Structures are given as structure tokens and as C-alpha cells.
Protein backbone atom coordinates (compact mmCIF):
# COMPACT_ATOMS: atom_id res chain seq x y z
CA MET A 1 1.01 14.59 -7.96
CA GLU A 2 3.67 15.78 -10.64
CA LEU A 3 6.15 12.68 -9.14
CA ILE A 4 3.41 10.31 -9.54
CA GLY A 5 2.34 11.53 -12.86
CA ARG A 6 6.07 11.32 -14.27
CA TYR A 7 5.91 7.48 -13.24
CA GLY A 8 2.89 6.66 -15.30
CA GLY A 9 0.76 6.70 -11.96
CA ASP A 10 -2.38 8.36 -10.93
CA ILE A 11 -3.63 9.99 -7.60
CA GLN A 12 -7.45 10.06 -6.67
CA VAL A 13 -8.59 12.14 -3.31
CA LYS A 14 -12.22 11.38 -2.07
CA SER A 15 -13.01 13.55 1.09
CA LYS A 16 -15.93 14.02 3.57
CA PRO A 17 -16.43 16.78 5.87
CA GLY A 18 -16.19 15.08 9.43
CA LYS A 19 -15.97 11.34 8.13
CA GLY A 20 -12.11 11.75 6.64
CA THR A 21 -10.14 11.31 3.68
CA THR A 22 -8.72 8.68 1.48
CA PHE A 23 -6.21 8.86 -1.39
CA ILE A 24 -5.95 5.95 -3.99
CA ILE A 25 -2.39 6.14 -5.29
CA LYS A 26 -2.17 3.78 -8.49
CA LEU A 27 1.85 3.10 -9.55
CA ALA A 28 3.04 1.20 -12.87
CA ARG A 29 4.40 -1.94 -11.56
CA ALA A 30 8.05 -2.20 -11.67
CA GLU A 31 9.91 -4.58 -13.73
CA ALA A 32 11.30 -7.55 -11.83
CA THR A 33 14.91 -8.56 -11.62
CA LYS A 34 15.44 -12.32 -12.90
CA ALA A 35 16.55 -13.11 -9.30
CA HIS A 36 13.35 -11.99 -7.99
CA VAL A 37 11.29 -13.77 -10.59
CA ALA A 38 13.13 -17.14 -10.07
CA SER A 39 12.08 -16.65 -6.20
CA LYS A 40 8.63 -16.61 -7.00
CA VAL A 41 8.17 -19.49 -9.54
CA GLY A 42 6.14 -22.12 -7.63
CA GLU A 43 5.02 -20.10 -5.23
CA GLY A 44 1.80 -18.74 -7.22
CA ALA A 45 1.26 -15.40 -5.46
CA SER A 46 3.03 -11.94 -5.29
CA SER A 47 4.12 -10.35 -1.96
CA TYR A 48 4.27 -6.63 -1.71
CA ARG A 49 5.59 -4.00 0.66
CA LEU A 50 2.61 -1.83 2.04
CA LEU A 51 2.22 1.11 4.13
CA LEU A 52 -1.49 0.95 5.59
CA VAL A 53 -3.06 4.35 7.45
CA GLU A 54 -6.00 3.78 9.41
CA ASP A 55 -6.98 5.82 12.56
CA GLU A 56 -9.25 3.00 13.89
CA PRO A 57 -7.20 0.99 15.70
CA GLU A 58 -9.39 -2.22 15.65
CA ILE A 59 -9.79 -1.72 11.82
CA LEU A 60 -5.74 -1.18 11.44
CA ASN A 61 -5.12 -4.05 13.36
CA LEU A 62 -7.46 -6.45 11.51
CA LEU A 63 -6.20 -5.12 8.09
CA ARG A 64 -2.80 -5.42 8.96
CA ASP A 65 -2.94 -8.92 10.11
CA MET A 66 -5.00 -9.76 6.98
CA LEU A 67 -2.54 -8.25 4.63
CA ARG A 68 0.44 -10.10 6.40
CA LEU A 69 -1.46 -13.37 6.34
CA LYS A 70 -1.46 -13.31 2.60
CA GLY A 71 2.07 -12.93 2.57
CA HIS A 72 2.81 -8.97 2.34
CA ARG A 73 5.16 -7.24 4.65
CA VAL A 74 2.97 -4.27 5.81
CA VAL A 75 4.02 -1.16 7.86
CA ALA A 76 0.67 -0.18 9.88
CA MET A 77 0.42 3.46 11.30
CA SER A 78 -2.43 5.13 12.75
CA ASP A 79 -1.32 8.74 11.93
CA GLY A 80 -1.45 9.93 8.47
CA GLU A 81 0.93 12.93 8.87
CA LYS A 82 3.79 10.49 10.34
CA ALA A 83 3.11 8.43 7.66
CA TRP A 84 4.41 10.77 4.95
CA ASN A 85 7.43 11.21 6.98
């Protein structure tokens, strides 16, 4: 939490016994370099690098595919502990 707060971010945890835990991490957007901004002109959309963690394989694959279709680079994992490493 200290690292996230140091950079102007916030973390929320929602947990229900027997149902799972959701972590919502919000970070401040980094300043884009001029070269990066120039490459986005005319595209009309932003692309992000995302880590997606979901233990249900069907939901994981569906979300991964949807995000990739939107132009994002997605690493999809079904194991939360491995995702941290």
C-alpha cells in the first residue's frame, strides 16, 4: 500500500468468504513521451498493458479476448499468487 500511495494511487480490497477477493488498484497516469503521443495521433484510442487475473477459465478467456480486440496488450492468469511474481 505504501508504494501505491507514494505514487498518488489508491488500493481497495473487497472480499467475501467463500466467494473470492477483488483488488482495485488505481494509479496516476504517467506522462507520455512526445514520440508516444505522436504515434497515437489519428488512432483515437489508447492502448494499455494489462494484467488480468480470474480463476474461472471461461471468464478469463472472454475478458482477455475482449480487451485484446480493443487493442490492449493483456497477460491473462488464473492463479493470483503467480500473478504477483
